[in-house]
Amino acid sequence: MSTQQTEQDGAQDAVKEPTVDMKIEVHIIPVVDVDRALRFYQSLGWRLDADYEAGPEFRIVQLTPPGSECSIHFGRGIISAAPGSAKGYLVVFDLDQARADLASRGVEVSKIFHNVYDTGAEVRVDGRDPDGRSYASYASFSDPDGNGWVLQEVKERQPGR
């Protein structure tokens, strides 16, 4: 294992290469109505992996988007965050196709946009990234509770991904 030394404010911090793979498995989203959220995500074509209820105070639902190794959880008694406060990214190869698919399922999805950084602030601009770069063109939608999802077009992965 190699170690890279960096200096910050006179102190040295060791930055070590990872030795163990760590993968994000689940993203928890807060919802008001579990059954409504379940119908919404299933209408997107997401696979139902689990729906477990242990009384009136606890229920957990797990769904996985097509092609994803990461799932979502929602339910009762599993998260104290306010419904609508979650934000997530969904990587897609073809943004136009993803938008069309969502629209065909009755989802209101934004126009394609990209970001420009003007004097340090991020500004959303209509249209694709003018240079056609991966990771730089987006569209967005929300679930019935207001949890936001950003579709990010990635045609070519960064090295090591």
Protein backbone atom coordinates (compact mmCIF):
# COMPACT_ATOMS: atom_id res chain seq x y z
CA MET A 1 0.00 0.00 0.00
CA SER A 2 1.35 3.42 -0.87
CA THR A 3 0.91 6.50 1.29
CA GLN A 4 0.85 10.04 0.01
CA GLN A 5 1.73 12.82 2.43
CA THR A 6 0.01 16.18 2.26
CA GLU A 7 0.56 19.30 4.31
CA GLN A 8 -2.25 21.55 5.44
CA ASP A 9 -1.70 24.43 7.85
CA GLY A 10 1.61 22.94 8.93
CA ALA A 11 0.09 19.58 9.87
CA GLN A 12 0.71 16.38 7.94
CA ASP A 13 -2.17 14.08 7.09
CA ALA A 14 -1.61 10.63 5.65
CA VAL A 15 -3.81 9.90 2.62
CA LYS A 16 -3.94 6.16 2.14
CA GLU A 17 -5.20 4.27 -0.87
CA PRO A 18 -8.30 2.22 -0.06
CA THR A 19 -7.75 -1.42 0.72
CA VAL A 20 -11.38 -2.53 0.88
CA ASP A 21 -14.11 -2.05 -1.74
CA MET A 22 -17.07 -0.10 -0.37
CA LYS A 23 -20.21 0.16 -2.43
CA ILE A 24 -23.29 2.23 -1.72
CA GLU A 25 -26.08 -0.30 -1.30
CA VAL A 26 -29.13 1.71 -0.24
CA HIS A 27 -30.33 5.33 -0.32
CA ILE A 28 -33.12 6.02 2.21
CA ILE A 29 -35.81 8.48 1.17
CA PRO A 30 -38.49 9.96 3.43
CA VAL A 31 -42.09 9.67 2.25
CA VAL A 32 -45.53 10.50 3.66
CA ASP A 33 -47.55 7.67 2.12
CA VAL A 34 -45.67 4.39 1.71
CA ASP A 35 -48.23 2.82 -0.64
CA ARG A 36 -48.32 5.90 -2.90
CA ALA A 37 -44.48 5.92 -3.06
CA LEU A 38 -44.47 2.19 -3.81
CA ARG A 39 -46.92 2.66 -6.71
CA PHE A 40 -44.90 5.60 -8.07
CA TYR A 41 -41.53 3.82 -8.08
CA GLN A 42 -43.00 0.61 -9.46
CA SER A 43 -44.60 2.68 -12.24
CA LEU A 44 -41.05 3.72 -13.19
CA GLY A 45 -40.20 0.06 -13.71
CA TRP A 46 -38.16 -0.24 -10.51
CA ARG A 47 -37.97 -3.79 -9.12
CA LEU A 48 -39.62 -4.47 -5.77
CA ASP A 49 -37.05 -6.32 -3.64
CA ALA A 50 -38.74 -6.29 -0.25
CA ASP A 51 -41.85 -5.06 1.53
CA TYR A 52 -41.68 -5.95 5.21
CA GLU A 53 -44.07 -4.75 7.89
CA ALA A 54 -43.67 -5.37 11.62
CA GLY A 55 -46.74 -3.69 13.05
CA PRO A 56 -48.24 -0.25 12.58
CA GLU A 57 -45.04 1.63 13.44
CA PHE A 58 -42.55 -0.12 11.15
CA ARG A 59 -42.56 -0.94 7.47
CA ILE A 60 -39.63 -1.03 5.07
CA VAL A 61 -39.84 -1.18 1.28
CA GLN A 62 -36.85 -1.71 -0.99
CA LEU A 63 -36.82 -1.07 -4.74
CA THR A 64 -34.00 -1.08 -7.28
CA PRO A 65 -33.85 0.96 -10.49
CA PRO A 66 -33.19 -1.04 -13.69
CA GLY A 67 -29.48 -1.78 -14.08
CA SER A 68 -28.55 -0.35 -10.68
CA GLU A 69 -26.57 -2.00 -7.92
CA CYS A 70 -27.93 0.53 -5.42
CA SER A 71 -31.49 0.42 -4.10
CA ILE A 72 -33.80 2.78 -2.24
CA HIS A 73 -35.58 2.22 1.06
CA PHE A 74 -38.62 4.03 2.39
CA GLY A 75 -41.31 3.18 4.87
CA ARG A 76 -42.49 3.91 8.39
CA GLY A 77 -40.21 4.15 11.39
CA ILE A 78 -36.95 4.10 9.42
CA ILE A 79 -35.99 7.77 8.91
CA SER A 80 -36.75 11.02 10.71
CA ALA A 81 -35.95 13.35 7.80
CA ALA A 82 -38.76 15.45 6.35
CA PRO A 83 -40.52 13.96 3.33
CA GLY A 84 -39.27 15.60 0.16
CA SER A 85 -35.81 16.36 1.58
CA ALA A 86 -33.90 13.62 -0.25
CA LYS A 87 -31.94 14.29 -3.42
CA GLY A 88 -30.36 11.63 -5.62
CA TYR A 89 -28.67 11.13 -8.98
CA LEU A 90 -29.52 8.50 -11.57
CA VAL A 91 -26.88 7.92 -14.24
CA VAL A 92 -28.22 7.23 -17.73
CA PHE A 93 -26.48 6.60 -21.04
CA ASP A 94 -29.08 8.36 -23.17
CA LEU A 95 -30.75 11.37 -21.56
CA ASP A 96 -33.32 11.80 -24.33
CA GLN A 97 -34.40 8.17 -24.03
CA ALA A 98 -34.59 8.39 -20.22
CA ARG A 99 -36.71 11.56 -20.41
CA ALA A 100 -39.02 9.98 -22.99
CA ASP A 101 -39.42 6.84 -20.86
CA LEU A 102 -40.30 8.84 -17.74
CA ALA A 103 -42.75 11.04 -19.68
CA SER A 104 -44.43 7.94 -21.14
CA ARG A 105 -45.00 6.80 -17.53
CA GLY A 106 -46.70 10.08 -16.62
CA VAL A 107 -43.75 11.66 -14.82
CA GLU A 108 -43.17 15.38 -15.20
CA VAL A 109 -39.50 15.64 -16.14
CA SER A 110 -37.55 18.84 -16.74
CA LYS A 111 -35.99 19.96 -19.97
CA ILE A 112 -32.33 19.03 -20.45
CA PHE A 113 -29.94 21.48 -18.80
CA HIS A 114 -26.29 21.99 -17.97
CA ASN A 115 -24.54 24.11 -15.37
CA VAL A 116 -22.33 27.12 -15.84
CA TYR A 117 -20.19 28.51 -13.05
CA ASP A 118 -20.41 32.30 -13.01
CA THR A 119 -18.28 34.10 -10.40
CA GLY A 120 -18.29 31.01 -8.22
CA ALA A 121 -22.04 30.38 -8.40
CA GLU A 122 -23.61 27.47 -10.22
CA VAL A 123 -26.18 28.61 -12.80
CA ARG A 124 -28.53 26.22 -14.58
CA VAL A 125 -28.72 26.80 -18.35
CA ASP A 126 -31.22 25.21 -20.75
CA GLY A 127 -29.80 22.68 -23.21
CA ARG A 128 -27.04 20.10 -23.24
CA ASP A 129 -23.47 20.78 -22.24
CA PRO A 130 -22.08 22.62 -25.29
CA ASP A 131 -18.96 20.43 -25.31
CA GLY A 132 -20.98 17.19 -25.12
CA ARG A 133 -19.06 16.01 -22.04
CA SER A 134 -20.16 13.07 -19.94
CA TYR A 135 -21.36 14.02 -16.44
CA ALA A 136 -22.40 17.50 -17.67
CA SER A 137 -25.96 17.25 -19.07
CA TYR A 138 -28.97 16.69 -16.82
CA ALA A 139 -32.73 16.54 -16.42
CA SER A 140 -34.69 16.23 -13.20
CA PHE A 141 -37.94 14.98 -11.71
CA SER A 142 -39.50 14.51 -8.30
CA ASP A 143 -41.51 11.78 -6.64
CA PRO A 144 -44.98 12.56 -5.20
CA ASP A 145 -43.39 13.67 -1.90
CA GLY A 146 -40.97 16.09 -3.56
CA ASN A 147 -37.84 13.97 -3.24
CA GLY A 148 -35.70 15.11 -6.16
CA TRP A 149 -33.91 12.98 -8.72
CA VAL A 150 -31.37 14.25 -11.25
CA LEU A 151 -30.76 12.26 -14.42
CA GLN A 152 -27.09 12.64 -15.34
CA GLU A 153 -25.95 11.56 -18.80
CA VAL A 154 -22.73 9.53 -18.74
CA LYS A 155 -21.60 8.16 -22.08
CA GLU A 156 -17.98 7.60 -21.03
CA ARG A 157 -16.97 6.81 -17.44
CA GLN A 158 -14.10 8.52 -15.70
CA PRO A 159 -11.03 6.27 -15.25
CA GLY A 160 -11.37 3.93 -12.30
CA ARG A 161 -15.18 3.95 -12.33
